[in-house]
Amino acid sequence: MRIILATTAALALPLAACSVEQTEEGEMPEVSVEEGQLPEYDVDTPDVDVGTTEETVEVPEVNVTTEEETVEVPTIDVDPAE
């Protein structure tokens, strides 16, 4: 999970450092719209009942030990656009 968050942050960081300036005005295009008809659908959906019930299940007991270790991790250096 931490890898996904780090990757997302690494990809989003350069986008946040961009400098955007409008160089030309834009305008809406001319369009012509004609009357149409949407399709009709007959949908039969299932009847779904959601609830809870109490059950007894076997749950494993896990003992985890950790130790501190030095590892190489990626770094990002971004120079913002001027």
Foldseek 3Di string as FASTA:
>chain_A
DVVVVVVVCQVVVQVVLEDDDDDDDDDDDDDDDDDDDDDDDDDDDDDDDDDDDDDDDDDDDDDDDDDDDDDDDDDDDDDGDD
